[in-house]
Amino acid sequence: PRHDQPFHVVGSDLSGVVLRVGAGVHKFKPGSEVVAHCLSVELNDADGHGDSMLDPEQRIWGFETNYGGLAEIALVKANQLMPKPAHLTWEEAACSQLVNSTAYRQLVSRNGAAMKQGDVVLIWGAAGGLGSYATQIVLNGGGIPVCVVSSEAKADLVRSMGAEIVINRSAEGYRFWRDESTPDPREWRRFGSQIRELTGGEDPDIVFEHPGRETFGASVYVARRGGTIVTCASTSGYDHAFDNRYLWMNLKRVIGTHFANYREAWEANRLIIKGMVHPTLSRTYRLHETGRAVDAVHRNQHSGKVGVLALAPERGLGVTDHAMRARLLPQITRFQDSHTD
């Protein structure tokens, strides 16, 4: 049911221990250590059976439902649960599912851009909560990320992940709009020229879009002939402006994606379990400090993801595969601060 109770618990990620299960649940049991993805569907309609994201009753748990993850006890459907990566702490395991699954569908899936080896992929906000997972997925898949960030510190972060082509948009001073209503194609061209200079003359095969209004015109312009702009959000505004000639005359495609279906979420989590994708947790808060966490994200005063502890008394708990953690520790803790606020 959607909002049929007089309350709303926010939060679309979690990790934890199963406390109780319904009579028809067999895959998990009380005591199972799990993470949850945020796809909530009914699957009573045929439209959802080819791709569960197309179910007419599809909702994002913790956003479009009463129940969510920022709580000491959470109510989830059994088909939202997946095994918790044994080498991660509770907070590290909790922070990845929404963004990692979204980036996986957006880039790898046939429902998204279907990235292949050698593809040049432009990633906006490459050190952010979504872009930091996109950068890892592109690198793992043999692609060539072109990482756009907002500071030199964030540029250093994505370089430490293995990215070689990085654009600090603040240092370059890009302004894709002359005013509130007029895009600036000259800036699109300047941006495209820098990308070509850095890639040896290649335009992006794929543009990983999520800022929306601020960047969409530039994204359409810089994508290669026959290339793909794949978008999952519009954090800077929903009304996009672009020159359609660059889309239709150059046979480019715009694909809209939204979170991930069951299979894509499982595949994305499998990459984390195998240590191929790592959490980008930078800071952890207590449950009563959730407002501060949200404010830091809203003001872009963070890198990667922030975490919230609910029942865990301190950071660093929940690891059961210590050998794997020791082997991957530099990658796991790359984004983390040295303290908890």
C-alpha atoms as a PDB file:
ATOM      1  CA  PRO A   1       0.000   0.000   0.000  1.00  0.00           C
ATOM      2  CA  ARG A   2       1.146   3.502  -0.739  1.00  0.00           C
ATOM      3  CA  HIS A   3       0.810   6.106   2.010  1.00  0.00           C
ATOM      4  CA  ASP A   4      -2.217   4.558   3.640  1.00  0.00           C
ATOM      5  CA  GLN A   5      -0.832   5.259   7.122  1.00  0.00           C
ATOM      6  CA  PRO A   6      -0.541   8.698   8.772  1.00  0.00           C
ATOM      7  CA  PHE A   7       3.271   8.628   8.868  1.00  0.00           C
ATOM      8  CA  HIS A   8       6.278   8.341   6.592  1.00  0.00           C
ATOM      9  CA  VAL A   9       9.667   6.799   7.413  1.00  0.00           C
ATOM     10  CA  VAL A  10      12.239   8.067   4.911  1.00  0.00           C
ATOM     11  CA  GLY A  11      15.332   6.253   3.695  1.00  0.00           C
ATOM     12  CA  SER A  12      15.752   3.899   0.737  1.00  0.00           C
ATOM     13  CA  ASP A  13      18.851   1.975   1.870  1.00  0.00           C
ATOM     14  CA  LEU A  14      19.501  -0.308   4.809  1.00  0.00           C
ATOM     15  CA  SER A  15      21.568  -3.129   6.201  1.00  0.00           C
ATOM     16  CA  GLY A  16      20.641  -5.159   9.237  1.00  0.00           C
ATOM     17  CA  VAL A  17      19.537  -8.419  10.801  1.00  0.00           C
ATOM     18  CA  VAL A  18      16.198 -10.070  10.055  1.00  0.00           C
ATOM     19  CA  LEU A  19      14.060  -9.969  13.198  1.00  0.00           C
ATOM     20  CA  ARG A  20      10.900 -11.721  12.003  1.00  0.00           C
ATOM     21  CA  VAL A  21       9.554 -13.127   8.713  1.00  0.00           C
ATOM     22  CA  GLY A  22       6.107 -13.828   7.335  1.00  0.00           C
ATOM     23  CA  ALA A  23       4.673 -17.295   6.860  1.00  0.00           C
ATOM     24  CA  GLY A  24       5.537 -17.449   3.166  1.00  0.00           C
ATOM     25  CA  VAL A  25       9.190 -16.359   3.483  1.00  0.00           C
ATOM     26  CA  HIS A  26      11.742 -19.129   2.993  1.00  0.00           C
ATOM     27  CA  LYS A  27      14.898 -17.544   1.570  1.00  0.00           C
ATOM     28  CA  PHE A  28      15.720 -15.563   4.715  1.00  0.00           C
ATOM     29  CA  LYS A  29      15.116 -16.281   8.374  1.00  0.00           C
ATOM     30  CA  PRO A  30      15.507 -14.496  11.721  1.00  0.00           C
ATOM     31  CA  GLY A  31      19.204 -13.790  12.221  1.00  0.00           C
ATOM     32  CA  SER A  32      20.028 -13.450   8.496  1.00  0.00           C
ATOM     33  CA  GLU A  33      22.337 -10.508   7.788  1.00  0.00           C
ATOM     34  CA  VAL A  34      20.932  -8.607   4.832  1.00  0.00           C
ATOM     35  CA  VAL A  35      20.835  -5.450   2.789  1.00  0.00           C
ATOM     36  CA  ALA A  36      17.683  -4.177   1.111  1.00  0.00           C
ATOM     37  CA  HIS A  37      17.101  -2.619  -2.275  1.00  0.00           C
ATOM     38  CA  CYS A  38      14.319  -0.079  -2.667  1.00  0.00           C
ATOM     39  CA  LEU A  39      12.168  -1.633  -5.415  1.00  0.00           C
ATOM     40  CA  SER A  40       8.635  -2.242  -4.152  1.00  0.00           C
ATOM     41  CA  VAL A  41       6.266  -3.857  -6.658  1.00  0.00           C
ATOM     42  CA  GLU A  42       3.151  -6.006  -6.616  1.00  0.00           C
ATOM     43  CA  LEU A  43       3.687  -7.924  -9.908  1.00  0.00           C
ATOM     44  CA  ASN A  44      -0.028  -8.473 -10.344  1.00  0.00           C
ATOM     45  CA  ASP A  45       0.134  -6.959 -13.814  1.00  0.00           C
ATOM     46  CA  ALA A  46       1.795  -8.555 -16.849  1.00  0.00           C
ATOM     47  CA  ASP A  47       3.716  -5.366 -17.606  1.00  0.00           C
ATOM     48  CA  GLY A  48       6.052  -5.973 -14.676  1.00  0.00           C
ATOM     49  CA  HIS A  49       7.132  -9.475 -15.553  1.00  0.00           C
ATOM     50  CA  GLY A  50       9.588  -8.594 -18.323  1.00  0.00           C
ATOM     51  CA  ASP A  51      11.093  -5.756 -16.310  1.00  0.00           C
ATOM     52  CA  SER A  52       9.808  -5.319 -12.768  1.00  0.00           C
ATOM     53  CA  MET A  53      10.480  -1.571 -12.968  1.00  0.00           C
ATOM     54  CA  LEU A  54       7.583  -1.375 -15.456  1.00  0.00           C
ATOM     55  CA  ASP A  55       5.053  -2.723 -12.971  1.00  0.00           C
ATOM     56  CA  PRO A  56       2.192  -0.191 -12.673  1.00  0.00           C
ATOM     57  CA  GLU A  57       2.432  -0.467  -8.881  1.00  0.00           C
ATOM     58  CA  GLN A  58       6.195   0.133  -8.799  1.00  0.00           C
ATOM     59  CA  ARG A  59       7.221   2.391  -5.919  1.00  0.00           C
ATOM     60  CA  ILE A  60      10.533   3.433  -4.382  1.00  0.00           C
ATOM     61  CA  TRP A  61      10.579   2.115  -0.823  1.00  0.00           C
ATOM     62  CA  GLY A  62      11.308   4.825   1.729  1.00  0.00           C
ATOM     63  CA  PHE A  63      10.297   7.540  -0.737  1.00  0.00           C
ATOM     64  CA  GLU A  64       6.879   6.559  -2.058  1.00  0.00           C
ATOM     65  CA  THR A  65       5.897   4.177   0.751  1.00  0.00           C
ATOM     66  CA  ASN A  66       5.107   4.583   4.434  1.00  0.00           C
ATOM     67  CA  TYR A  67       8.070   2.523   5.569  1.00  0.00           C
ATOM     68  CA  GLY A  68      11.757   3.227   4.969  1.00  0.00           C
ATOM     69  CA  GLY A  69      15.239   2.586   6.251  1.00  0.00           C
ATOM     70  CA  LEU A  70      16.044   5.445   8.629  1.00  0.00           C
ATOM     71  CA  ALA A  71      14.622   3.642  11.645  1.00  0.00           C
ATOM     72  CA  GLU A  72      15.626   1.172  14.325  1.00  0.00           C
ATOM     73  CA  ILE A  73      13.192  -1.393  12.919  1.00  0.00           C
ATOM     74  CA  ALA A  74      12.203  -1.457   9.238  1.00  0.00           C
ATOM     75  CA  LEU A  75       9.404  -3.241   7.400  1.00  0.00           C
ATOM     76  CA  VAL A  76      10.392  -4.585   3.975  1.00  0.00           C
ATOM     77  CA  LYS A  77       9.105  -7.092   1.463  1.00  0.00           C
ATOM     78  CA  ALA A  78      11.089 -10.340   1.422  1.00  0.00           C
ATOM     79  CA  ASN A  79      11.959  -9.834  -2.248  1.00  0.00           C
ATOM     80  CA  GLN A  80      13.769  -6.615  -1.373  1.00  0.00           C
ATOM     81  CA  LEU A  81      16.368  -8.486   0.680  1.00  0.00           C
ATOM     82  CA  MET A  82      19.816  -9.534  -0.528  1.00  0.00           C
ATOM     83  CA  PRO A  83      22.839 -10.987   1.314  1.00  0.00           C
ATOM     84  CA  LYS A  84      24.958  -8.469   3.164  1.00  0.00           C
ATOM     85  CA  PRO A  85      28.580  -8.314   1.918  1.00  0.00           C
ATOM     86  CA  ALA A  86      30.483 -10.081   4.692  1.00  0.00           C
ATOM     87  CA  HIS A  87      33.603  -7.899   4.451  1.00  0.00           C
ATOM     88  CA  LEU A  88      31.756  -4.622   5.065  1.00  0.00           C
ATOM     89  CA  THR A  89      30.535  -2.897   8.196  1.00  0.00           C
ATOM     90  CA  TRP A  90      26.850  -2.199   8.691  1.00  0.00           C
ATOM     91  CA  GLU A  91      27.190   1.403   7.561  1.00  0.00           C
ATOM     92  CA  GLU A  92      29.325   0.545   4.535  1.00  0.00           C
ATOM     93  CA  ALA A  93      26.937  -2.160   3.405  1.00  0.00           C
ATOM     94  CA  ALA A  94      23.913   0.082   3.862  1.00  0.00           C
ATOM     95  CA  CYS A  95      25.090   3.003   1.770  1.00  0.00           C
ATOM     96  CA  SER A  96      25.467   1.371  -1.641  1.00  0.00           C
ATOM     97  CA  GLN A  97      22.293  -0.318  -2.820  1.00  0.00           C
ATOM     98  CA  LEU A  98      20.232   2.518  -4.299  1.00  0.00           C
ATOM     99  CA  VAL A  99      23.033   4.255  -6.156  1.00  0.00           C
ATOM    100  CA  ASN A 100      25.009   1.167  -7.160  1.00  0.00           C
ATOM    101  CA  SER A 101      21.916  -0.519  -8.588  1.00  0.00           C
ATOM    102  CA  THR A 102      20.874   2.694 -10.362  1.00  0.00           C
ATOM    103  CA  ALA A 103      24.310   3.102 -11.958  1.00  0.00           C
ATOM    104  CA  TYR A 104      24.380  -0.577 -12.944  1.00  0.00           C
ATOM    105  CA  ARG A 105      21.079  -0.364 -14.822  1.00  0.00           C
ATOM    106  CA  GLN A 106      21.979   2.999 -16.317  1.00  0.00           C
ATOM    107  CA  LEU A 107      25.311   1.837 -17.720  1.00  0.00           C
ATOM    108  CA  VAL A 108      25.476  -1.950 -18.037  1.00  0.00           C
ATOM    109  CA  SER A 109      21.951  -3.235 -18.477  1.00  0.00           C
ATOM    110  CA  ARG A 110      20.206  -3.666 -21.807  1.00  0.00           C
ATOM    111  CA  ASN A 111      17.581  -1.412 -20.201  1.00  0.00           C
ATOM    112  CA  GLY A 112      20.219   1.319 -20.085  1.00  0.00           C
ATOM    113  CA  ALA A 113      23.241   2.171 -22.217  1.00  0.00           C
ATOM    114  CA  ALA A 114      24.563  -1.422 -22.591  1.00  0.00           C
ATOM    115  CA  MET A 115      28.159  -0.232 -22.162  1.00  0.00           C
ATOM    116  CA  LYS A 116      30.916  -2.228 -23.860  1.00  0.00           C
ATOM    117  CA  GLN A 117      34.692  -2.362 -23.472  1.00  0.00           C
ATOM    118  CA  GLY A 118      36.436   0.743 -24.750  1.00  0.00           C
ATOM    119  CA  ASP A 119      33.413   3.026 -24.493  1.00  0.00           C
ATOM    120  CA  VAL A 120      34.213   6.596 -23.492  1.00  0.00           C
ATOM    121  CA  VAL A 121      31.751   7.505 -20.731  1.00  0.00           C
ATOM    122  CA  LEU A 122      31.237  11.064 -19.520  1.00  0.00           C
ATOM    123  CA  ILE A 123      30.234  10.996 -15.833  1.00  0.00           C
ATOM    124  CA  TRP A 124      28.789  14.094 -14.229  1.00  0.00           C
ATOM    125  CA  GLY A 125      29.418  14.346 -10.492  1.00  0.00           C
ATOM    126  CA  ALA A 126      31.918  11.497 -10.623  1.00  0.00           C
ATOM    127  CA  ALA A 127      32.875  11.775  -6.935  1.00  0.00           C
ATOM    128  CA  GLY A 128      29.284  12.003  -5.702  1.00  0.00           C
ATOM    129  CA  GLY A 129      26.968   9.373  -4.321  1.00  0.00           C
ATOM    130  CA  LEU A 130      25.857   8.151  -7.743  1.00  0.00           C
ATOM    131  CA  GLY A 131      28.836   9.080  -9.895  1.00  0.00           C
ATOM    132  CA  SER A 132      31.377   7.354  -7.639  1.00  0.00           C
ATOM    133  CA  TYR A 133      29.682   4.015  -8.379  1.00  0.00           C
ATOM    134  CA  ALA A 134      29.367   4.830 -12.066  1.00  0.00           C
ATOM    135  CA  THR A 135      33.104   5.497 -12.183  1.00  0.00           C
ATOM    136  CA  GLN A 136      33.856   2.089 -10.654  1.00  0.00           C
ATOM    137  CA  ILE A 137      31.449   0.277 -12.972  1.00  0.00           C
ATOM    138  CA  VAL A 138      32.949   1.927 -16.056  1.00  0.00           C
ATOM    139  CA  LEU A 139      36.483   1.049 -14.963  1.00  0.00           C
ATOM    140  CA  ASN A 140      35.490  -2.557 -14.147  1.00  0.00           C
ATOM    141  CA  GLY A 141      33.741  -2.920 -17.489  1.00  0.00           C
ATOM    142  CA  GLY A 142      36.720  -1.806 -19.534  1.00  0.00           C
ATOM    143  CA  GLY A 143      35.323   1.629 -20.324  1.00  0.00           C
ATOM    144  CA  ILE A 144      37.116   4.957 -20.253  1.00  0.00           C
ATOM    145  CA  PRO A 145      35.541   7.336 -17.714  1.00  0.00           C
ATOM    146  CA  VAL A 146      35.690  11.070 -18.254  1.00  0.00           C
ATOM    147  CA  CYS A 147      35.024  12.271 -14.720  1.00  0.00           C
ATOM    148  CA  VAL A 148      33.513  15.698 -14.093  1.00  0.00           C
ATOM    149  CA  VAL A 149      33.922  16.954 -10.514  1.00  0.00           C
ATOM    150  CA  SER A 150      33.530  20.227  -8.639  1.00  0.00           C
ATOM    151  CA  SER A 151      36.834  20.524  -6.758  1.00  0.00           C
ATOM    152  CA  GLU A 152      40.439  19.428  -6.850  1.00  0.00           C
ATOM    153  CA  ALA A 153      39.942  17.303  -3.746  1.00  0.00           C
ATOM    154  CA  LYS A 154      37.225  15.363  -5.563  1.00  0.00           C
ATOM    155  CA  ALA A 155      39.469  15.136  -8.616  1.00  0.00           C
ATOM    156  CA  ASP A 156      42.097  13.460  -6.448  1.00  0.00           C
ATOM    157  CA  LEU A 157      39.468  11.022  -5.160  1.00  0.00           C
ATOM    158  CA  VAL A 158      38.423   9.802  -8.592  1.00  0.00           C
ATOM    159  CA  ARG A 159      42.050   9.573  -9.699  1.00  0.00           C
ATOM    160  CA  SER A 160      42.709   7.356  -6.692  1.00  0.00           C
ATOM    161  CA  MET A 161      39.916   5.097  -7.970  1.00  0.00           C
ATOM    162  CA  GLY A 162      41.773   4.673 -11.249  1.00  0.00           C
ATOM    163  CA  ALA A 163      40.281   7.389 -13.439  1.00  0.00           C
ATOM    164  CA  GLU A 164      42.806   9.107 -15.687  1.00  0.00           C
ATOM    165  CA  ILE A 165      40.645  11.749 -17.384  1.00  0.00           C
ATOM    166  CA  VAL A 166      39.234  14.288 -14.938  1.00  0.00           C
ATOM    167  CA  ILE A 167      37.638  17.699 -15.493  1.00  0.00           C
ATOM    168  CA  ASN A 168      37.285  20.122 -12.581  1.00  0.00           C
ATOM    169  CA  ARG A 169      34.269  22.107 -13.775  1.00  0.00           C
ATOM    170  CA  SER A 170      34.754  24.777 -11.116  1.00  0.00           C
ATOM    171  CA  ALA A 171      38.339  25.447 -12.153  1.00  0.00           C
ATOM    172  CA  GLU A 172      37.333  25.544 -15.822  1.00  0.00           C
ATOM    173  CA  GLY A 173      34.491  27.953 -15.082  1.00  0.00           C
ATOM    174  CA  TYR A 174      31.863  26.312 -17.269  1.00  0.00           C
ATOM    175  CA  ARG A 175      28.560  28.217 -17.453  1.00  0.00           C
ATOM    176  CA  PHE A 176      26.156  26.407 -19.746  1.00  0.00           C
ATOM    177  CA  TRP A 177      23.443  29.070 -19.352  1.00  0.00           C
ATOM    178  CA  ARG A 178      23.826  32.758 -20.230  1.00  0.00           C
ATOM    179  CA  ASP A 179      20.873  33.550 -17.979  1.00  0.00           C
ATOM    180  CA  GLU A 180      17.880  31.749 -16.496  1.00  0.00           C
ATOM    181  CA  SER A 181      16.271  31.159 -19.889  1.00  0.00           C
ATOM    182  CA  THR A 182      19.114  31.110 -22.441  1.00  0.00           C
ATOM    183  CA  PRO A 183      21.560  28.214 -22.921  1.00  0.00           C
ATOM    184  CA  ASP A 184      25.067  29.028 -24.117  1.00  0.00           C
ATOM    185  CA  PRO A 185      26.122  26.724 -27.010  1.00  0.00           C
ATOM    186  CA  ARG A 186      29.566  28.322 -27.002  1.00  0.00           C
ATOM    187  CA  GLU A 187      30.174  26.734 -23.612  1.00  0.00           C
ATOM    188  CA  TRP A 188      28.898  23.390 -24.934  1.00  0.00           C
ATOM    189  CA  ARG A 189      31.505  23.602 -27.692  1.00  0.00           C
ATOM    190  CA  ARG A 190      34.263  24.627 -25.288  1.00  0.00           C
ATOM    191  CA  PHE A 191      33.402  21.658 -23.077  1.00  0.00           C
ATOM    192  CA  GLY A 192      33.330  19.286 -26.037  1.00  0.00           C
ATOM    193  CA  SER A 193      36.715  20.542 -27.213  1.00  0.00           C
ATOM    194  CA  GLN A 194      38.248  19.837 -23.806  1.00  0.00           C
ATOM    195  CA  ILE A 195      36.849  16.303 -23.813  1.00  0.00           C
ATOM    196  CA  ARG A 196      38.313  15.647 -27.268  1.00  0.00           C
ATOM    197  CA  GLU A 197      41.655  17.044 -26.171  1.00  0.00           C
ATOM    198  CA  LEU A 198      41.737  14.719 -23.157  1.00  0.00           C
ATOM    199  CA  THR A 199      40.534  11.604 -24.992  1.00  0.00           C
ATOM    200  CA  GLY A 200      42.744  11.926 -28.062  1.00  0.00           C
ATOM    201  CA  GLY A 201      39.967  13.218 -30.270  1.00  0.00           C
ATOM    202  CA  GLU A 202      37.064  10.999 -29.175  1.00  0.00           C
ATOM    203  CA  ASP A 203      33.590  12.088 -28.148  1.00  0.00           C
ATOM    204  CA  PRO A 204      31.730  10.196 -25.400  1.00  0.00           C
ATOM    205  CA  ASP A 205      29.917   7.042 -26.474  1.00  0.00           C
ATOM    206  CA  ILE A 206      27.763   7.395 -23.355  1.00  0.00           C
ATOM    207  CA  VAL A 207      26.861  10.375 -21.202  1.00  0.00           C
ATOM    208  CA  PHE A 208      25.886   9.452 -17.644  1.00  0.00           C
ATOM    209  CA  GLU A 209      23.288  12.152 -16.927  1.00  0.00           C
ATOM    210  CA  HIS A 210      21.640  13.071 -13.659  1.00  0.00           C
ATOM    211  CA  PRO A 211      22.114  16.836 -12.979  1.00  0.00           C
ATOM    212  CA  GLY A 212      19.394  17.629 -15.532  1.00  0.00           C
ATOM    213  CA  ARG A 213      18.667  21.216 -16.516  1.00  0.00           C
ATOM    214  CA  GLU A 214      22.133  22.632 -15.881  1.00  0.00           C
ATOM    215  CA  THR A 215      24.006  20.082 -17.988  1.00  0.00           C
ATOM    216  CA  PHE A 216      21.555  18.357 -20.332  1.00  0.00           C
ATOM    217  CA  GLY A 217      22.116  20.630 -23.323  1.00  0.00           C
ATOM    218  CA  ALA A 218      25.857  20.095 -23.062  1.00  0.00           C
ATOM    219  CA  SER A 219      25.351  16.340 -22.674  1.00  0.00           C
ATOM    220  CA  VAL A 220      23.350  16.101 -25.902  1.00  0.00           C
ATOM    221  CA  TYR A 221      25.913  18.222 -27.723  1.00  0.00           C
ATOM    222  CA  VAL A 222      29.074  16.368 -26.664  1.00  0.00           C
ATOM    223  CA  ALA A 223      27.816  12.786 -27.135  1.00  0.00           C
ATOM    224  CA  ARG A 224      29.323  11.161 -30.199  1.00  0.00           C
ATOM    225  CA  ARG A 225      27.372  10.583 -33.395  1.00  0.00           C
ATOM    226  CA  GLY A 226      25.149   7.599 -32.632  1.00  0.00           C
ATOM    227  CA  GLY A 227      25.923   7.937 -28.951  1.00  0.00           C
ATOM    228  CA  THR A 228      23.669   7.607 -25.925  1.00  0.00           C
ATOM    229  CA  ILE A 229      22.605  10.035 -23.216  1.00  0.00           C
ATOM    230  CA  VAL A 230      21.200   7.985 -20.338  1.00  0.00           C
ATOM    231  CA  THR A 231      19.469   9.901 -17.565  1.00  0.00           C
ATOM    232  CA  CYS A 232      18.057   8.935 -14.167  1.00  0.00           C
ATOM    233  CA  ALA A 233      17.497  12.281 -12.439  1.00  0.00           C
ATOM    234  CA  SER A 234      17.333  16.067 -12.698  1.00  0.00           C
ATOM    235  CA  THR A 235      18.850  17.424  -9.517  1.00  0.00           C
ATOM    236  CA  SER A 236      19.396  20.911 -10.972  1.00  0.00           C
ATOM    237  CA  GLY A 237      15.929  21.187 -12.532  1.00  0.00           C
ATOM    238  CA  TYR A 238      13.419  19.205 -14.550  1.00  0.00           C
ATOM    239  CA  ASP A 239      12.950  21.561 -17.507  1.00  0.00           C
ATOM    240  CA  HIS A 240      15.704  20.691 -19.963  1.00  0.00           C
ATOM    241  CA  ALA A 241      16.797  22.762 -22.934  1.00  0.00           C
ATOM    242  CA  PHE A 242      18.892  21.352 -25.778  1.00  0.00           C
ATOM    243  CA  ASP A 243      19.343  21.856 -29.506  1.00  0.00           C
ATOM    244  CA  ASN A 244      17.429  18.981 -31.066  1.00  0.00           C
ATOM    245  CA  ARG A 245      19.456  19.196 -34.279  1.00  0.00           C
ATOM    246  CA  TYR A 246      22.412  17.667 -32.421  1.00  0.00           C
ATOM    247  CA  LEU A 247      20.160  14.799 -31.359  1.00  0.00           C
ATOM    248  CA  TRP A 248      18.264  13.863 -34.504  1.00  0.00           C
ATOM    249  CA  MET A 249      20.827  14.750 -37.190  1.00  0.00           C
ATOM    250  CA  ASN A 250      23.534  12.837 -35.354  1.00  0.00           C
ATOM    251  CA  LEU A 251      21.296   9.838 -34.554  1.00  0.00           C
ATOM    252  CA  LYS A 252      21.837  10.081 -30.823  1.00  0.00           C
ATOM    253  CA  ARG A 253      19.570   8.437 -28.263  1.00  0.00           C
ATOM    254  CA  VAL A 254      18.175   9.619 -24.938  1.00  0.00           C
ATOM    255  CA  ILE A 255      17.282   6.796 -22.528  1.00  0.00           C
ATOM    256  CA  GLY A 256      15.441   7.292 -19.273  1.00  0.00           C
ATOM    257  CA  THR A 257      16.179   4.841 -16.464  1.00  0.00           C
ATOM    258  CA  HIS A 258      14.925   4.594 -12.901  1.00  0.00           C
ATOM    259  CA  PHE A 259      16.528   2.544 -10.109  1.00  0.00           C
ATOM    260  CA  ALA A 260      16.806  -1.133 -11.134  1.00  0.00           C
ATOM    261  CA  ASN A 261      14.747  -4.272 -11.470  1.00  0.00           C
ATOM    262  CA  TYR A 262      15.190  -7.279  -9.186  1.00  0.00           C
ATOM    263  CA  ARG A 263      17.838  -8.928 -11.340  1.00  0.00           C
ATOM    264  CA  GLU A 264      19.858  -5.759 -11.846  1.00  0.00           C
ATOM    265  CA  ALA A 265      19.843  -5.038  -8.109  1.00  0.00           C
ATOM    266  CA  TRP A 266      21.122  -8.556  -7.391  1.00  0.00           C
ATOM    267  CA  GLU A 267      23.851  -8.280 -10.021  1.00  0.00           C
ATOM    268  CA  ALA A 268      24.948  -4.912  -8.650  1.00  0.00           C
ATOM    269  CA  ASN A 269      25.090  -6.280  -5.096  1.00  0.00           C
ATOM    270  CA  ARG A 270      27.051  -9.303  -6.363  1.00  0.00           C
ATOM    271  CA  LEU A 271      29.796  -6.950  -7.562  1.00  0.00           C
ATOM    272  CA  ILE A 272      30.082  -5.569  -4.026  1.00  0.00           C
ATOM    273  CA  ILE A 273      30.076  -9.038  -2.457  1.00  0.00           C
ATOM    274  CA  LYS A 274      32.942 -10.049  -4.768  1.00  0.00           C
ATOM    275  CA  GLY A 275      34.941  -6.911  -3.938  1.00  0.00           C
ATOM    276  CA  MET A 276      34.746  -5.519  -7.469  1.00  0.00           C
ATOM    277  CA  VAL A 277      32.802  -2.403  -6.460  1.00  0.00           C
ATOM    278  CA  HIS A 278      33.452  -0.691  -3.143  1.00  0.00           C
ATOM    279  CA  PRO A 279      31.353   1.545  -0.907  1.00  0.00           C
ATOM    280  CA  THR A 280      32.090   5.247  -1.166  1.00  0.00           C
ATOM    281  CA  LEU A 281      31.050   6.111   2.370  1.00  0.00           C
ATOM    282  CA  SER A 282      32.681   9.336   3.515  1.00  0.00           C
ATOM    283  CA  ARG A 283      30.989  10.173   6.815  1.00  0.00           C
ATOM    284  CA  THR A 284      28.673   8.507   9.319  1.00  0.00           C
ATOM    285  CA  TYR A 285      26.044  10.114  11.553  1.00  0.00           C
ATOM    286  CA  ARG A 286      23.792   8.927  14.375  1.00  0.00           C
ATOM    287  CA  LEU A 287      20.080   8.498  13.768  1.00  0.00           C
ATOM    288  CA  HIS A 288      19.235  11.662  15.679  1.00  0.00           C
ATOM    289  CA  GLU A 289      21.704  13.547  13.430  1.00  0.00           C
ATOM    290  CA  THR A 290      19.913  12.603  10.203  1.00  0.00           C
ATOM    291  CA  GLY A 291      18.972  16.235   9.593  1.00  0.00           C
ATOM    292  CA  ARG A 292      22.653  17.212   9.593  1.00  0.00           C
ATOM    293  CA  ALA A 293      23.435  14.413   7.164  1.00  0.00           C
ATOM    294  CA  VAL A 294      20.698  15.533   4.782  1.00  0.00           C
ATOM    295  CA  ASP A 295      21.871  19.133   4.998  1.00  0.00           C
ATOM    296  CA  ALA A 296      25.462  18.169   4.158  1.00  0.00           C
ATOM    297  CA  VAL A 297      24.280  16.274   1.080  1.00  0.00           C
ATOM    298  CA  HIS A 298      21.944  19.097   0.049  1.00  0.00           C
ATOM    299  CA  ARG A 299      24.799  21.597   0.220  1.00  0.00           C
ATOM    300  CA  ASN A 300      27.205  19.265  -1.619  1.00  0.00           C
ATOM    301  CA  GLN A 301      29.521  19.323   1.388  1.00  0.00           C
ATOM    302  CA  HIS A 302      30.241  15.614   1.102  1.00  0.00           C
ATOM    303  CA  SER A 303      31.927  13.128  -1.198  1.00  0.00           C
ATOM    304  CA  GLY A 304      30.410   9.796  -2.124  1.00  0.00           C
ATOM    305  CA  LYS A 305      27.786   8.691   0.391  1.00  0.00           C
ATOM    306  CA  VAL A 306      26.932   9.459   4.001  1.00  0.00           C
ATOM    307  CA  GLY A 307      25.727   6.800   6.434  1.00  0.00           C
ATOM    308  CA  VAL A 308      23.426   6.778   9.447  1.00  0.00           C
ATOM    309  CA  LEU A 309      23.716   4.400  12.416  1.00  0.00           C
ATOM    310  CA  ALA A 310      20.372   3.290  13.858  1.00  0.00           C
ATOM    311  CA  LEU A 311      20.887   0.439  16.331  1.00  0.00           C
ATOM    312  CA  ALA A 312      24.633  -0.128  15.861  1.00  0.00           C
ATOM    313  CA  PRO A 313      26.326   1.468  18.897  1.00  0.00           C
ATOM    314  CA  GLU A 314      29.429   2.512  16.952  1.00  0.00           C
ATOM    315  CA  ARG A 315      31.048   2.445  13.530  1.00  0.00           C
ATOM    316  CA  GLY A 316      33.023  -0.536  12.304  1.00  0.00           C
ATOM    317  CA  LEU A 317      30.747  -3.384  13.397  1.00  0.00           C
ATOM    318  CA  GLY A 318      29.256  -6.187  11.313  1.00  0.00           C
ATOM    319  CA  VAL A 319      32.337  -7.568   9.528  1.00  0.00           C
ATOM    320  CA  THR A 320      32.488 -11.370   9.329  1.00  0.00           C
ATOM    321  CA  ASP A 321      35.032 -11.853   6.509  1.00  0.00           C
ATOM    322  CA  HIS A 322      38.079 -10.149   8.014  1.00  0.00           C
ATOM    323  CA  ALA A 323      40.571 -11.609   5.551  1.00  0.00           C
ATOM    324  CA  MET A 324      38.770 -10.153   2.541  1.00  0.00           C
ATOM    325  CA  ARG A 325      38.394  -6.825   4.315  1.00  0.00           C
ATOM    326  CA  ALA A 326      42.103  -6.666   5.092  1.00  0.00           C
ATOM    327  CA  ARG A 327      42.917  -7.302   1.442  1.00  0.00           C
ATOM    328  CA  LEU A 328      40.581  -4.577   0.182  1.00  0.00           C
ATOM    329  CA  LEU A 329      40.817  -2.067   3.031  1.00  0.00           C
ATOM    330  CA  PRO A 330      42.401   0.831   1.068  1.00  0.00           C
ATOM    331  CA  GLN A 331      39.619   0.676  -1.529  1.00  0.00           C
ATOM    332  CA  ILE A 332      36.853   0.262   1.057  1.00  0.00           C
ATOM    333  CA  THR A 333      37.925   3.230   3.173  1.00  0.00           C
ATOM    334  CA  ARG A 334      39.055   5.556   0.386  1.00  0.00           C
ATOM    335  CA  PHE A 335      36.225   8.040   0.930  1.00  0.00           C
ATOM    336  CA  GLN A 336      35.964   7.814   4.678  1.00  0.00           C
ATOM    337  CA  ASP A 337      36.766  10.590   7.087  1.00  0.00           C
ATOM    338  CA  SER A 338      38.841   9.809  10.135  1.00  0.00           C
ATOM    339  CA  HIS A 339      36.015  10.606  12.552  1.00  0.00           C
ATOM    340  CA  THR A 340      32.266  10.358  13.027  1.00  0.00           C
ATOM    341  CA  ASP A 341      30.352  13.609  13.475  1.00  0.00           C
END
